[in-house]
Protein backbone atom coordinates (compact mmCIF):
# COMPACT_ATOMS: atom_id res chain seq x y z
CA MET A 1 -126.31 60.40 52.25
CA SER A 2 -128.69 57.61 51.23
CA HIS A 3 -127.68 53.98 51.61
CA LEU A 4 -127.42 53.55 47.83
CA THR A 5 -125.32 56.69 47.41
CA HIS A 6 -123.07 55.50 50.22
CA LEU A 7 -122.57 52.10 48.52
CA ILE A 8 -121.71 53.74 45.19
CA ALA A 9 -119.39 56.26 46.81
CA ASP A 10 -117.43 53.46 48.53
CA ARG A 11 -116.72 51.61 45.26
CA PRO A 12 -113.55 52.39 43.35
CA LEU A 13 -114.01 54.00 39.95
CA ALA A 14 -112.26 51.03 38.30
CA ARG A 15 -115.33 48.95 39.07
CA TYR A 16 -117.23 50.93 36.42
CA THR A 17 -114.70 50.68 33.62
CA PHE A 18 -115.37 49.13 30.23
CA PRO A 19 -113.27 46.02 31.02
CA GLY A 20 -115.20 45.62 34.29
CA LEU A 21 -118.46 45.81 32.38
CA LEU A 22 -117.22 43.26 29.85
CA LEU A 23 -116.23 40.84 32.62
CA ARG A 24 -119.67 41.17 34.20
CA LEU A 25 -121.37 40.65 30.84
CA GLU A 26 -119.20 37.58 30.30
CA GLY A 27 -120.45 36.25 33.64
CA ALA A 28 -124.04 36.92 32.61
CA VAL A 29 -123.50 35.01 29.36
CA PHE A 30 -121.99 32.03 31.19
CA LEU A 31 -124.84 32.04 33.69
CA ALA A 32 -127.49 32.21 30.96
CA ALA A 33 -125.77 29.54 28.86
CA ALA A 34 -125.41 27.26 31.90
CA LEU A 35 -129.11 27.64 32.69
CA LEU A 36 -130.11 26.86 29.11
CA VAL A 37 -127.82 23.83 28.86
CA TYR A 38 -128.95 22.60 32.27
CA ARG A 39 -132.58 22.85 31.19
CA SER A 40 -131.83 21.07 27.91
CA PHE A 41 -130.53 18.06 29.87
CA SER A 42 -133.68 18.08 32.06
CA PHE A 43 -131.61 17.88 35.22
CA SER A 44 -133.23 18.44 38.62
CA TRP A 45 -133.75 22.09 39.52
CA LEU A 46 -133.78 21.14 43.19
CA ALA A 47 -130.26 19.76 42.77
CA PHE A 48 -129.28 22.95 40.94
CA PHE A 49 -130.33 25.20 43.80
CA LEU A 50 -128.92 22.87 46.47
CA LEU A 51 -125.49 22.72 44.78
CA LEU A 52 -125.25 26.27 43.41
CA LEU A 53 -123.23 27.64 46.33
CA LEU A 54 -121.04 24.53 46.74
CA PRO A 55 -117.98 26.15 45.07
CA ASP A 56 -117.91 28.69 47.90
CA LEU A 57 -116.71 25.92 50.20
CA THR A 58 -113.29 26.64 48.70
CA MET A 59 -113.16 29.59 51.10
CA ILE A 60 -112.12 27.01 53.71
CA GLY A 61 -108.60 27.50 52.37
CA TYR A 62 -108.43 30.79 54.24
CA VAL A 63 -108.12 28.75 57.45
CA TRP A 64 -104.52 28.08 56.33
CA GLY A 65 -103.79 31.70 55.49
CA GLN A 66 -104.33 34.33 52.85
CA ARG A 67 -102.14 32.76 50.16
CA ALA A 68 -103.54 29.22 50.53
CA GLY A 69 -107.05 30.62 50.71
CA SER A 70 -106.70 32.64 47.53
CA VAL A 71 -105.19 29.68 45.64
CA LEU A 72 -107.94 27.26 46.67
CA TYR A 73 -110.69 29.85 46.13
CA ASN A 74 -109.36 30.71 42.68
CA LEU A 75 -109.15 27.03 41.67
CA GLY A 76 -112.82 26.71 42.57
CA HIS A 77 -113.78 29.89 40.76
CA THR A 78 -112.10 29.61 37.39
CA TYR A 79 -113.89 28.22 34.34
CA ILE A 80 -111.04 25.76 33.64
CA LEU A 81 -111.96 23.02 36.13
CA PRO A 82 -115.72 22.83 35.50
CA LEU A 83 -115.18 22.93 31.73
CA GLY A 84 -112.67 20.09 32.08
CA LEU A 85 -115.02 18.11 34.31
CA GLY A 86 -117.90 18.68 31.89
CA GLY A 87 -115.88 17.66 28.85
CA ILE A 88 -114.48 14.50 30.45
CA SER A 89 -117.88 13.60 31.85
CA LEU A 90 -119.52 14.04 28.45
CA TRP A 91 -116.79 11.94 26.82
CA PHE A 92 -117.42 9.08 29.24
CA GLY A 93 -121.20 9.58 29.44
CA PHE A 94 -121.06 10.33 33.18
CA MET A 95 -124.11 12.57 33.49
CA PRO A 96 -123.74 13.43 37.22
CA GLY A 97 -120.36 14.98 36.32
CA VAL A 98 -121.98 16.96 33.51
CA GLN A 99 -124.66 18.17 35.91
CA VAL A 100 -122.13 19.28 38.53
CA ALA A 101 -120.00 21.01 35.89
CA ILE A 102 -122.96 23.02 34.59
CA ILE A 103 -124.00 24.08 38.09
CA TRP A 104 -120.38 25.03 38.82
CA LEU A 105 -120.21 27.16 35.66
CA ALA A 106 -123.49 28.84 36.61
CA HIS A 107 -122.04 29.67 40.03
CA ILE A 108 -118.94 31.25 38.53
CA GLY A 109 -121.04 33.19 36.01
CA LEU A 110 -123.26 34.49 38.80
CA ASP A 111 -120.24 35.51 40.85
CA ARG A 112 -118.75 37.43 37.91
CA LEU A 113 -122.08 39.07 37.13
CA VAL A 114 -122.38 40.51 40.63
CA GLY A 115 -118.73 41.58 40.73
CA TYR A 116 -116.92 38.79 42.58
CA GLY A 117 -113.69 37.85 40.91
CA LEU A 118 -110.58 35.82 41.47
CA LYS A 119 -108.79 36.69 44.71
CA TYR A 120 -105.37 38.21 45.13
CA PRO A 121 -103.26 36.80 47.99
CA THR A 122 -103.00 40.24 49.59
CA ASP A 123 -106.60 40.59 50.79
CA PHE A 124 -109.82 38.56 50.46
CA LYS A 125 -111.63 41.65 49.21
CA GLU A 126 -109.10 42.35 46.43
CA THR A 127 -110.24 40.65 43.22
CA HIS A 128 -109.44 40.84 39.54
CA LEU A 129 -112.71 42.74 39.05
CA SER A 130 -112.48 45.24 41.90
CA ARG A 131 -112.44 45.58 45.64
CA VAL A 132 -115.59 44.05 47.15
């Protein structure tokens, strides 16, 4: 069995459902929109690439157990917080906050596009999109 066939065979069928496809497309749209908005503000691309993986630091919560880890990870990987940060930062004209919010949204969009979702407290690999 080829490596690719093996990878596909190990994935649950639910990963290839219409809702799964829609969630991945939604991630692609958020990623593309974040990139376009980021470019429109003429923010630093070096900062973008340096900060892109910063939300993954929320995995540190798993040091305190599965439940704490999933809660902290999910807080860092939901659109709610970066949209709130971006809105408040725009309201007050705090452009570093806007920049961070856009990068954060791009990260979440990228995660969704490649199949990483919000975590269930039962297992790190169990997400709302599929098992990874």
